[in-house]
C-alpha atoms as a PDB file:
ATOM      1  CA  UNK A   1      35.827 163.025 112.163  1.00  0.00           C
ATOM      2  CA  UNK A   2      39.536 163.837 112.365  1.00  0.00           C
ATOM      3  CA  UNK A   3      42.046 161.919 110.279  1.00  0.00           C
ATOM      4  CA  UNK A   4      43.563 160.055 113.214  1.00  0.00           C
ATOM      5  CA  UNK A   5      40.112 158.902 114.341  1.00  0.00           C
ATOM      6  CA  UNK A   6      39.377 157.541 110.875  1.00  0.00           C
ATOM      7  CA  UNK A   7      42.710 155.725 110.800  1.00  0.00           C
ATOM      8  CA  UNK A   8      42.033 154.141 114.198  1.00  0.00           C
ATOM      9  CA  UNK A   9      38.766 152.754 112.863  1.00  0.00           C
ATOM     10  CA  UNK A  10      40.528 151.484 109.711  1.00  0.00           C
ATOM     11  CA  UNK A  11      43.095 149.759 111.901  1.00  0.00           C
ATOM     12  CA  UNK A  12      40.358 148.194 114.055  1.00  0.00           C
ATOM     13  CA  UNK A  13      38.540 146.818 110.997  1.00  0.00           C
ATOM     14  CA  UNK A  14      41.829 145.550 109.464  1.00  0.00           C
ATOM     15  CA  UNK A  15      42.709 143.631 112.620  1.00  0.00           C
ATOM     16  CA  UNK A  16      39.370 141.815 112.680  1.00  0.00           C
ATOM     17  CA  UNK A  17      39.334 141.176 108.905  1.00  0.00           C
ATOM     18  CA  UNK A  18      42.857 139.769 108.940  1.00  0.00           C
ATOM     19  CA  UNK A  19      42.393 137.913 112.238  1.00  0.00           C
ATOM     20  CA  UNK A  20      45.942 138.821 113.180  1.00  0.00           C
ATOM     21  CA  UNK A  21      47.795 141.914 114.408  1.00  0.00           C
ATOM     22  CA  UNK A  22      50.820 140.871 112.383  1.00  0.00           C
ATOM     23  CA  UNK A  23      48.931 140.562 109.070  1.00  0.00           C
ATOM     24  CA  UNK A  24      46.955 143.742 109.717  1.00  0.00           C
ATOM     25  CA  UNK A  25      50.183 145.598 110.491  1.00  0.00           C
ATOM     26  CA  UNK A  26      51.638 144.421 107.183  1.00  0.00           C
ATOM     27  CA  UNK A  27      48.534 145.624 105.346  1.00  0.00           C
ATOM     28  CA  UNK A  28      48.665 149.012 107.050  1.00  0.00           C
ATOM     29  CA  UNK A  29      52.485 149.197 106.748  1.00  0.00           C
ATOM     30  CA  UNK A  30      52.935 149.584 110.497  1.00  0.00           C
ATOM     31  CA  UNK A  31      54.913 147.633 113.041  1.00  0.00           C
ATOM     32  CA  UNK A  32      52.735 145.361 115.263  1.00  0.00           C
ATOM     33  CA  UNK A  33      53.641 147.466 118.306  1.00  0.00           C
ATOM     34  CA  UNK A  34      52.551 150.669 116.538  1.00  0.00           C
ATOM     35  CA  UNK A  35      49.287 149.010 115.540  1.00  0.00           C
ATOM     36  CA  UNK A  36      48.686 147.929 119.136  1.00  0.00           C
ATOM     37  CA  UNK A  37      49.149 151.522 120.217  1.00  0.00           C
ATOM     38  CA  UNK A  38      46.576 152.678 117.615  1.00  0.00           C
ATOM     39  CA  UNK A  39      44.044 150.165 118.933  1.00  0.00           C
ATOM     40  CA  UNK A  40      44.720 151.268 122.514  1.00  0.00           C
ATOM     41  CA  UNK A  41      44.074 154.878 121.522  1.00  0.00           C
ATOM     42  CA  UNK A  42      40.762 153.863 119.901  1.00  0.00           C
ATOM     43  CA  UNK A  43      39.712 151.879 123.009  1.00  0.00           C
ATOM     44  CA  UNK A  44      40.567 154.898 125.161  1.00  0.00           C
ATOM     45  CA  UNK A  45      38.566 157.147 122.858  1.00  0.00           C
ATOM     46  CA  UNK A  46      35.407 154.996 123.045  1.00  0.00           C
ATOM     47  CA  UNK A  47      36.044 154.031 126.669  1.00  0.00           C
ATOM     48  CA  UNK A  48      35.590 150.322 126.015  1.00  0.00           C
ATOM     49  CA  UNK A  49      37.716 147.272 125.366  1.00  0.00           C
ATOM     50  CA  UNK A  50      37.109 146.224 121.760  1.00  0.00           C
ATOM     51  CA  UNK A  51      39.310 143.148 121.278  1.00  0.00           C
ATOM     52  CA  UNK A  52      39.950 139.916 123.129  1.00  0.00           C
ATOM     53  CA  UNK A  53      43.544 139.035 122.364  1.00  0.00           C
ATOM     54  CA  UNK A  54      45.642 136.076 123.504  1.00  0.00           C
ATOM     55  CA  UNK A  55      48.789 134.514 122.079  1.00  0.00           C
ATOM     56  CA  UNK A  56      46.634 132.104 120.052  1.00  0.00           C
ATOM     57  CA  UNK A  57      43.352 133.859 119.333  1.00  0.00           C
ATOM     58  CA  UNK A  58      41.833 137.197 118.464  1.00  0.00           C
ATOM     59  CA  UNK A  59      38.172 138.170 118.605  1.00  0.00           C
ATOM     60  CA  UNK A  60      35.936 141.159 119.101  1.00  0.00           C
ATOM     61  CA  UNK A  61      34.378 141.873 122.480  1.00  0.00           C
ATOM     62  CA  UNK A  62      30.663 142.576 122.595  1.00  0.00           C
ATOM     63  CA  UNK A  63      31.445 146.302 122.315  1.00  0.00           C
ATOM     64  CA  UNK A  64      33.850 145.616 119.458  1.00  0.00           C
ATOM     65  CA  UNK A  65      31.309 143.497 117.577  1.00  0.00           C
ATOM     66  CA  UNK A  66      28.669 146.222 117.920  1.00  0.00           C
ATOM     67  CA  UNK A  67      31.108 148.878 116.697  1.00  0.00           C
ATOM     68  CA  UNK A  68      32.123 146.742 113.734  1.00  0.00           C
ATOM     69  CA  UNK A  69      28.493 146.141 112.762  1.00  0.00           C
ATOM     70  CA  UNK A  70      27.804 149.908 112.770  1.00  0.00           C
ATOM     71  CA  UNK A  71      30.907 151.063 110.834  1.00  0.00           C
ATOM     72  CA  UNK A  72      31.353 148.202 108.351  1.00  0.00           C
ATOM     73  CA  UNK A  73      28.567 149.376 105.950  1.00  0.00           C
ATOM     74  CA  UNK A  74      30.091 152.855 105.953  1.00  0.00           C
ATOM     75  CA  UNK A  75      33.489 151.470 105.001  1.00  0.00           C
ATOM     76  CA  UNK A  76      31.924 149.448 102.197  1.00  0.00           C
ATOM     77  CA  UNK A  77      30.319 152.629 100.870  1.00  0.00           C
ATOM     78  CA  UNK A  78      33.632 154.459 101.044  1.00  0.00           C
ATOM     79  CA  UNK A  79      35.408 151.644  99.169  1.00  0.00           C
ATOM     80  CA  UNK A  80      32.747 151.697  96.468  1.00  0.00           C
ATOM     81  CA  UNK A  81      32.965 155.466  96.138  1.00  0.00           C
ATOM     82  CA  UNK A  82      36.769 155.302  95.853  1.00  0.00           C
ATOM     83  CA  UNK A  83      36.583 152.620  93.166  1.00  0.00           C
ATOM     84  CA  UNK A  84      33.993 154.596  91.209  1.00  0.00           C
ATOM     85  CA  UNK A  85      36.049 157.754  91.446  1.00  0.00           C
ATOM     86  CA  UNK A  86      39.063 155.906  90.127  1.00  0.00           C
ATOM     87  CA  UNK A  87      37.150 154.509  87.163  1.00  0.00           C
ATOM     88  CA  UNK A  88      35.883 158.034  86.290  1.00  0.00           C
ATOM     89  CA  UNK A  89      39.377 159.439  86.187  1.00  0.00           C
ATOM     90  CA  UNK A  90      40.243 157.865  82.831  1.00  0.00           C
ATOM     91  CA  UNK A  91      43.368 155.801  82.381  1.00  0.00           C
ATOM     92  CA  UNK A  92      44.985 154.864  85.730  1.00  0.00           C
ATOM     93  CA  UNK A  93      48.151 156.753  86.546  1.00  0.00           C
ATOM     94  CA  UNK A  94      51.058 156.248  88.921  1.00  0.00           C
ATOM     95  CA  UNK A  95      53.975 153.988  89.678  1.00  0.00           C
ATOM     96  CA  UNK A  96      53.497 150.281  90.231  1.00  0.00           C
ATOM     97  CA  UNK A  97      56.299 148.572  92.149  1.00  0.00           C
ATOM     98  CA  UNK A  98      56.692 144.854  91.490  1.00  0.00           C
ATOM     99  CA  UNK A  99      59.174 142.281  92.853  1.00  0.00           C
ATOM    100  CA  UNK A 100      59.928 139.247  90.694  1.00  0.00           C
ATOM    101  CA  UNK A 101      62.505 136.455  90.543  1.00  0.00           C
ATOM    102  CA  UNK A 102      64.715 136.447  87.454  1.00  0.00           C
ATOM    103  CA  UNK A 103      62.998 133.499  85.839  1.00  0.00           C
ATOM    104  CA  UNK A 104      59.521 134.990  86.295  1.00  0.00           C
ATOM    105  CA  UNK A 105      60.691 138.312  84.864  1.00  0.00           C
ATOM    106  CA  UNK A 106      62.185 136.571  81.865  1.00  0.00           C
ATOM    107  CA  UNK A 107      59.414 134.168  80.922  1.00  0.00           C
ATOM    108  CA  UNK A 108      56.339 136.252  81.871  1.00  0.00           C
ATOM    109  CA  UNK A 109      57.073 139.954  82.359  1.00  0.00           C
ATOM    110  CA  UNK A 110      59.577 140.597  79.620  1.00  0.00           C
ATOM    111  CA  UNK A 111      57.339 139.524  76.693  1.00  0.00           C
ATOM    112  CA  UNK A 112      54.458 141.774  77.746  1.00  0.00           C
ATOM    113  CA  UNK A 113      56.195 145.129  78.306  1.00  0.00           C
ATOM    114  CA  UNK A 114      55.119 146.571  74.965  1.00  0.00           C
ATOM    115  CA  UNK A 115      51.490 145.531  75.200  1.00  0.00           C
ATOM    116  CA  UNK A 116      51.154 146.773  78.776  1.00  0.00           C
ATOM    117  CA  UNK A 117      52.634 150.169  77.941  1.00  0.00           C
ATOM    118  CA  UNK A 118      50.251 150.543  75.017  1.00  0.00           C
ATOM    119  CA  UNK A 119      47.282 149.555  77.176  1.00  0.00           C
ATOM    120  CA  UNK A 120      48.232 151.679  80.213  1.00  0.00           C
ATOM    121  CA  UNK A 121      50.550 154.433  78.995  1.00  0.00           C
ATOM    122  CA  UNK A 122      50.293 156.410  82.270  1.00  0.00           C
ATOM    123  CA  UNK A 123      51.443 153.578  84.574  1.00  0.00           C
ATOM    124  CA  UNK A 124      55.155 153.425  85.318  1.00  0.00           C
ATOM    125  CA  UNK A 125      56.312 149.835  85.997  1.00  0.00           C
ATOM    126  CA  UNK A 126      59.122 149.796  88.580  1.00  0.00           C
ATOM    127  CA  UNK A 127      60.336 146.213  88.597  1.00  0.00           C
ATOM    128  CA  UNK A 128      62.938 144.820  90.979  1.00  0.00           C
ATOM    129  CA  UNK A 129      64.387 141.519  89.758  1.00  0.00           C
ATOM    130  CA  UNK A 130      65.759 139.524  92.660  1.00  0.00           C
ATOM    131  CA  UNK A 131      65.635 135.802  93.506  1.00  0.00           C
ATOM    132  CA  UNK A 132      65.747 136.385  97.265  1.00  0.00           C
ATOM    133  CA  UNK A 133      62.261 136.098  98.835  1.00  0.00           C
ATOM    134  CA  UNK A 134      61.002 139.305 100.420  1.00  0.00           C
ATOM    135  CA  UNK A 135      58.022 140.603 102.351  1.00  0.00           C
ATOM    136  CA  UNK A 136      56.551 142.863  99.661  1.00  0.00           C
ATOM    137  CA  UNK A 137      54.627 144.998 102.196  1.00  0.00           C
ATOM    138  CA  UNK A 138      57.666 145.717 104.356  1.00  0.00           C
ATOM    139  CA  UNK A 139      59.751 146.474 101.277  1.00  0.00           C
ATOM    140  CA  UNK A 140      57.157 148.808  99.761  1.00  0.00           C
ATOM    141  CA  UNK A 141      56.166 146.689  96.734  1.00  0.00           C
ATOM    142  CA  UNK A 142      52.621 146.695  95.396  1.00  0.00           C
ATOM    143  CA  UNK A 143      52.856 143.262  93.783  1.00  0.00           C
ATOM    144  CA  UNK A 144      55.130 140.230  93.796  1.00  0.00           C
ATOM    145  CA  UNK A 145      55.616 137.024  91.839  1.00  0.00           C
ATOM    146  CA  UNK A 146      56.153 133.597  93.373  1.00  0.00           C
ATOM    147  CA  UNK A 147      55.595 129.961  92.566  1.00  0.00           C
ATOM    148  CA  UNK A 148      52.414 128.424  93.950  1.00  0.00           C
ATOM    149  CA  UNK A 149      54.109 126.442  96.712  1.00  0.00           C
ATOM    150  CA  UNK A 150      55.914 129.563  97.953  1.00  0.00           C
ATOM    151  CA  UNK A 151      52.778 131.640  98.535  1.00  0.00           C
ATOM    152  CA  UNK A 152      51.455 132.619 101.950  1.00  0.00           C
ATOM    153  CA  UNK A 153      47.824 131.912 102.800  1.00  0.00           C
ATOM    154  CA  UNK A 154      46.868 135.553 103.348  1.00  0.00           C
ATOM    155  CA  UNK A 155      47.471 136.860  99.829  1.00  0.00           C
ATOM    156  CA  UNK A 156      45.425 137.325  96.677  1.00  0.00           C
ATOM    157  CA  UNK A 157      47.140 135.263  93.975  1.00  0.00           C
ATOM    158  CA  UNK A 158      46.567 135.117  90.218  1.00  0.00           C
ATOM    159  CA  UNK A 159      48.189 132.160  88.380  1.00  0.00           C
ATOM    160  CA  UNK A 160      49.935 133.215  85.182  1.00  0.00           C
ATOM    161  CA  UNK A 161      51.874 131.470  82.464  1.00  0.00           C
ATOM    162  CA  UNK A 162      52.219 127.794  81.735  1.00  0.00           C
ATOM    163  CA  UNK A 163      53.083 125.230  84.431  1.00  0.00           C
ATOM    164  CA  UNK A 164      56.813 125.233  85.115  1.00  0.00           C
ATOM    165  CA  UNK A 165      58.933 122.274  84.074  1.00  0.00           C
ATOM    166  CA  UNK A 166      62.611 121.936  84.942  1.00  0.00           C
ATOM    167  CA  UNK A 167      64.573 119.701  82.612  1.00  0.00           C
ATOM    168  CA  UNK A 168      68.107 118.304  82.642  1.00  0.00           C
ATOM    169  CA  UNK A 169      69.923 119.355  79.453  1.00  0.00           C
ATOM    170  CA  UNK A 170      73.311 118.830  77.841  1.00  0.00           C
ATOM    171  CA  UNK A 171      74.903 119.272  74.439  1.00  0.00           C
ATOM    172  CA  UNK A 172      74.832 116.386  71.923  1.00  0.00           C
ATOM    173  CA  UNK A 173      78.636 116.403  72.168  1.00  0.00           C
ATOM    174  CA  UNK A 174      78.533 115.831  75.931  1.00  0.00           C
ATOM    175  CA  UNK A 175      76.048 112.969  75.498  1.00  0.00           C
ATOM    176  CA  UNK A 176      78.209 111.390  72.775  1.00  0.00           C
ATOM    177  CA  UNK A 177      81.257 111.530  74.999  1.00  0.00           C
ATOM    178  CA  UNK A 178      79.762 110.717  78.414  1.00  0.00           C
ATOM    179  CA  UNK A 179      76.466 108.971  77.663  1.00  0.00           C
ATOM    180  CA  UNK A 180      72.934 109.827  78.811  1.00  0.00           C
ATOM    181  CA  UNK A 181      71.569 108.967  82.260  1.00  0.00           C
ATOM    182  CA  UNK A 182      68.754 106.414  82.280  1.00  0.00           C
ATOM    183  CA  UNK A 183      67.538 107.305  85.809  1.00  0.00           C
ATOM    184  CA  UNK A 184      68.111 110.228  88.153  1.00  0.00           C
ATOM    185  CA  UNK A 185      70.699 108.457  90.298  1.00  0.00           C
ATOM    186  CA  UNK A 186      72.868 108.009  87.173  1.00  0.00           C
ATOM    187  CA  UNK A 187      73.558 111.764  87.443  1.00  0.00           C
ATOM    188  CA  UNK A 188      75.966 110.938  90.257  1.00  0.00           C
ATOM    189  CA  UNK A 189      78.339 109.617  87.608  1.00  0.00           C
ATOM    190  CA  UNK A 190      78.113 112.794  85.485  1.00  0.00           C
ATOM    191  CA  UNK A 191      79.464 116.304  85.481  1.00  0.00           C
ATOM    192  CA  UNK A 192      76.575 118.481  86.670  1.00  0.00           C
ATOM    193  CA  UNK A 193      76.302 122.250  86.852  1.00  0.00           C
ATOM    194  CA  UNK A 194      74.710 122.927  90.221  1.00  0.00           C
ATOM    195  CA  UNK A 195      72.585 125.828  91.375  1.00  0.00           C
ATOM    196  CA  UNK A 196      72.774 127.500  94.759  1.00  0.00           C
ATOM    197  CA  UNK A 197      69.639 129.486  95.728  1.00  0.00           C
ATOM    198  CA  UNK A 198      70.189 133.046  96.912  1.00  0.00           C
ATOM    199  CA  UNK A 199      70.673 133.189 100.660  1.00  0.00           C
ATOM    200  CA  UNK A 200      71.458 129.472 100.823  1.00  0.00           C
ATOM    201  CA  UNK A 201      74.755 128.118 102.059  1.00  0.00           C
ATOM    202  CA  UNK A 202      74.661 125.006  99.911  1.00  0.00           C
ATOM    203  CA  UNK A 203      73.767 123.770  96.477  1.00  0.00           C
ATOM    204  CA  UNK A 204      70.222 122.733  95.643  1.00  0.00           C
ATOM    205  CA  UNK A 205      69.278 119.055  95.248  1.00  0.00           C
ATOM    206  CA  UNK A 206      67.762 118.059  91.911  1.00  0.00           C
ATOM    207  CA  UNK A 207      64.209 116.764  92.214  1.00  0.00           C
ATOM    208  CA  UNK A 208      62.687 114.220  89.821  1.00  0.00           C
ATOM    209  CA  UNK A 209      59.338 112.408  89.751  1.00  0.00           C
ATOM    210  CA  UNK A 210      57.838 109.665  87.633  1.00  0.00           C
ATOM    211  CA  UNK A 211      54.367 108.550  88.651  1.00  0.00           C
ATOM    212  CA  UNK A 212      54.536 107.851  92.365  1.00  0.00           C
ATOM    213  CA  UNK A 213      58.328 107.497  92.372  1.00  0.00           C
ATOM    214  CA  UNK A 214      60.533 110.442  93.205  1.00  0.00           C
ATOM    215  CA  UNK A 215      64.238 111.052  93.554  1.00  0.00           C
ATOM    216  CA  UNK A 216      66.184 113.870  95.191  1.00  0.00           C
ATOM    217  CA  UNK A 217      69.755 113.829  93.942  1.00  0.00           C
ATOM    218  CA  UNK A 218      72.720 115.747  95.385  1.00  0.00           C
ATOM    219  CA  UNK A 219      74.685 116.113  92.140  1.00  0.00           C
ATOM    220  CA  UNK A 220      78.288 117.172  91.831  1.00  0.00           C
ATOM    221  CA  UNK A 221      80.343 118.801  89.147  1.00  0.00           C
ATOM    222  CA  UNK A 222      82.874 121.459  88.189  1.00  0.00           C
ATOM    223  CA  UNK A 223      80.597 124.499  88.525  1.00  0.00           C
ATOM    224  CA  UNK A 224      78.122 125.914  91.058  1.00  0.00           C
ATOM    225  CA  UNK A 225      76.196 129.103  90.198  1.00  0.00           C
ATOM    226  CA  UNK A 226      73.491 131.257  91.780  1.00  0.00           C
ATOM    227  CA  UNK A 227      72.095 132.333  88.398  1.00  0.00           C
ATOM    228  CA  UNK A 228      70.355 129.737  86.277  1.00  0.00           C
ATOM    229  CA  UNK A 229      71.246 131.561  83.040  1.00  0.00           C
ATOM    230  CA  UNK A 230      74.894 130.881  83.828  1.00  0.00           C
ATOM    231  CA  UNK A 231      74.127 127.188  84.200  1.00  0.00           C
ATOM    232  CA  UNK A 232      72.414 127.219  80.819  1.00  0.00           C
ATOM    233  CA  UNK A 233      75.365 129.018  79.225  1.00  0.00           C
ATOM    234  CA  UNK A 234      77.851 126.612  80.777  1.00  0.00           C
ATOM    235  CA  UNK A 235      75.884 123.615  79.537  1.00  0.00           C
ATOM    236  CA  UNK A 236      75.867 125.069  76.002  1.00  0.00           C
ATOM    237  CA  UNK A 237      79.657 125.231  76.280  1.00  0.00           C
ATOM    238  CA  UNK A 238      79.851 121.525  77.100  1.00  0.00           C
ATOM    239  CA  UNK A 239      80.732 121.923  80.774  1.00  0.00           C
ATOM    240  CA  UNK A 240      78.115 119.377  81.819  1.00  0.00           C
ATOM    241  CA  UNK A 241      74.456 118.756  82.558  1.00  0.00           C
ATOM    242  CA  UNK A 242      72.283 121.651  83.801  1.00  0.00           C
ATOM    243  CA  UNK A 243      68.815 121.639  85.342  1.00  0.00           C
ATOM    244  CA  UNK A 244      66.948 124.656  83.924  1.00  0.00           C
ATOM    245  CA  UNK A 245      63.443 125.858  83.131  1.00  0.00           C
ATOM    246  CA  UNK A 246      62.273 124.392  79.859  1.00  0.00           C
ATOM    247  CA  UNK A 247      61.122 127.858  78.679  1.00  0.00           C
ATOM    248  CA  UNK A 248      64.704 129.131  78.897  1.00  0.00           C
ATOM    249  CA  UNK A 249      66.215 126.131  77.146  1.00  0.00           C
ATOM    250  CA  UNK A 250      63.498 125.790  74.483  1.00  0.00           C
ATOM    251  CA  UNK A 251      65.235 127.821  71.719  1.00  0.00           C
ATOM    252  CA  UNK A 252      68.414 125.817  72.078  1.00  0.00           C
ATOM    253  CA  UNK A 253      66.544 122.497  72.210  1.00  0.00           C
ATOM    254  CA  UNK A 254      64.685 123.420  69.040  1.00  0.00           C
ATOM    255  CA  UNK A 255      67.965 124.393  67.362  1.00  0.00           C
ATOM    256  CA  UNK A 256      69.570 121.110  68.368  1.00  0.00           C
ATOM    257  CA  UNK A 257      72.212 122.758  70.560  1.00  0.00           C
ATOM    258  CA  UNK A 258      70.831 120.992  73.653  1.00  0.00           C
ATOM    259  CA  UNK A 259      68.974 117.757  74.295  1.00  0.00           C
ATOM    260  CA  UNK A 260      66.633 116.913  77.144  1.00  0.00           C
ATOM    261  CA  UNK A 261      67.715 114.134  79.453  1.00  0.00           C
ATOM    262  CA  UNK A 262      65.451 112.152  81.809  1.00  0.00           C
ATOM    263  CA  UNK A 263      62.428 113.626  80.050  1.00  0.00           C
ATOM    264  CA  UNK A 264      59.977 111.145  81.581  1.00  0.00           C
ATOM    265  CA  UNK A 265      61.249 112.057  85.074  1.00  0.00           C
ATOM    266  CA  UNK A 266      60.466 115.759  84.600  1.00  0.00           C
ATOM    267  CA  UNK A 267      56.701 116.435  84.797  1.00  0.00           C
ATOM    268  CA  UNK A 268      55.305 119.970  85.042  1.00  0.00           C
ATOM    269  CA  UNK A 269      55.469 121.400  88.541  1.00  0.00           C
ATOM    270  CA  UNK A 270      53.820 124.644  89.666  1.00  0.00           C
ATOM    271  CA  UNK A 271      52.987 128.008  88.091  1.00  0.00           C
ATOM    272  CA  UNK A 272      54.023 131.567  88.639  1.00  0.00           C
ATOM    273  CA  UNK A 273      51.550 133.734  90.508  1.00  0.00           C
ATOM    274  CA  UNK A 274      51.178 137.490  90.692  1.00  0.00           C
ATOM    275  CA  UNK A 275      50.164 138.220  94.271  1.00  0.00           C
ATOM    276  CA  UNK A 276      49.397 141.051  96.647  1.00  0.00           C
ATOM    277  CA  UNK A 277      48.314 141.234 100.252  1.00  0.00           C
ATOM    278  CA  UNK A 278      44.631 141.643 100.955  1.00  0.00           C
ATOM    279  CA  UNK A 279      43.690 145.253 101.526  1.00  0.00           C
ATOM    280  CA  UNK A 280      40.594 147.318 101.920  1.00  0.00           C
ATOM    281  CA  UNK A 281      41.109 149.495  98.876  1.00  0.00           C
ATOM    282  CA  UNK A 282      43.102 148.018  95.973  1.00  0.00           C
ATOM    283  CA  UNK A 283      44.883 150.794  94.026  1.00  0.00           C
ATOM    284  CA  UNK A 284      43.780 151.315  90.418  1.00  0.00           C
ATOM    285  CA  UNK A 285      47.310 150.537  89.200  1.00  0.00           C
ATOM    286  CA  UNK A 286      47.256 147.143  90.908  1.00  0.00           C
ATOM    287  CA  UNK A 287      43.780 146.321  89.557  1.00  0.00           C
ATOM    288  CA  UNK A 288      44.916 147.315  86.068  1.00  0.00           C
ATOM    289  CA  UNK A 289      47.998 145.119  86.151  1.00  0.00           C
ATOM    290  CA  UNK A 290      46.060 142.150  87.562  1.00  0.00           C
ATOM    291  CA  UNK A 291      43.338 142.545  84.895  1.00  0.00           C
ATOM    292  CA  UNK A 292      46.029 142.741  82.203  1.00  0.00           C
ATOM    293  CA  UNK A 293      47.737 139.609  83.530  1.00  0.00           C
ATOM    294  CA  UNK A 294      44.418 137.765  83.494  1.00  0.00           C
ATOM    295  CA  UNK A 295      43.856 138.794  79.870  1.00  0.00           C
ATOM    296  CA  UNK A 296      47.330 137.576  78.917  1.00  0.00           C
ATOM    297  CA  UNK A 297      46.636 134.314  80.685  1.00  0.00           C
ATOM    298  CA  UNK A 298      43.279 133.875  78.944  1.00  0.00           C
ATOM    299  CA  UNK A 299      44.856 134.507  75.521  1.00  0.00           C
ATOM    300  CA  UNK A 300      47.323 131.631  76.065  1.00  0.00           C
ATOM    301  CA  UNK A 301      44.681 129.086  76.979  1.00  0.00           C
END
């Protein structure tokens, strides 16, 4: 079998496994139009229509179902052989490209660099830190990190770290001079350091919840930043109240430089997840990083 014939069969299996030309194209790192051309070439080669495709559904024809039933066991054998070959090669080697928001990089990735390098000395971690959401397949990343509510349905996700909690903080001096809010809407009478998400034209609303009650507050103040570390720094300088991840503020809270406000209105939210798109053969570098992340997660339980 020539290489292009094998790839056509891989593309055919990927389309049916993903149930979508778009998702299969992402997995194969092709454009949807290029993938359609590959499938047309395969159908021409076997002289049969293999897929029923409409704007809303995708399924195999009778000929396609028979072809899938014949080749699927062979692909399973190939995957197993590839995995076994990788495990026989000793320590995994290569570059692992990972995309992570700043906060995820700070609270999860940064503390584990040393242990990961000692465990997998032949893997080069190439980490891009960027708060803007990206399609990791189109951008050439092997892995990404996102909060649970930001994940797509067609990815493999591994929760890591503790549940996130955002807290409103200010210096004791600010509280002594301006008072402490008793409820979220009281923030409208305070100087707040707002945060503008990357790619957004406006500042983010501050979200609070207590039991079944919730408040979304459009705060105002003398400073708007797109980097939460700047908000934390400004709050430490007495500029006003900042809403930041508790993990980032914890050292300053412990030292007494900052105090938590509206604590009962700030329950834990979601968790960071390491994720990757489903694929037929998961690279050894990706498996190694995922296994390492799981071990870190288990050690914190």
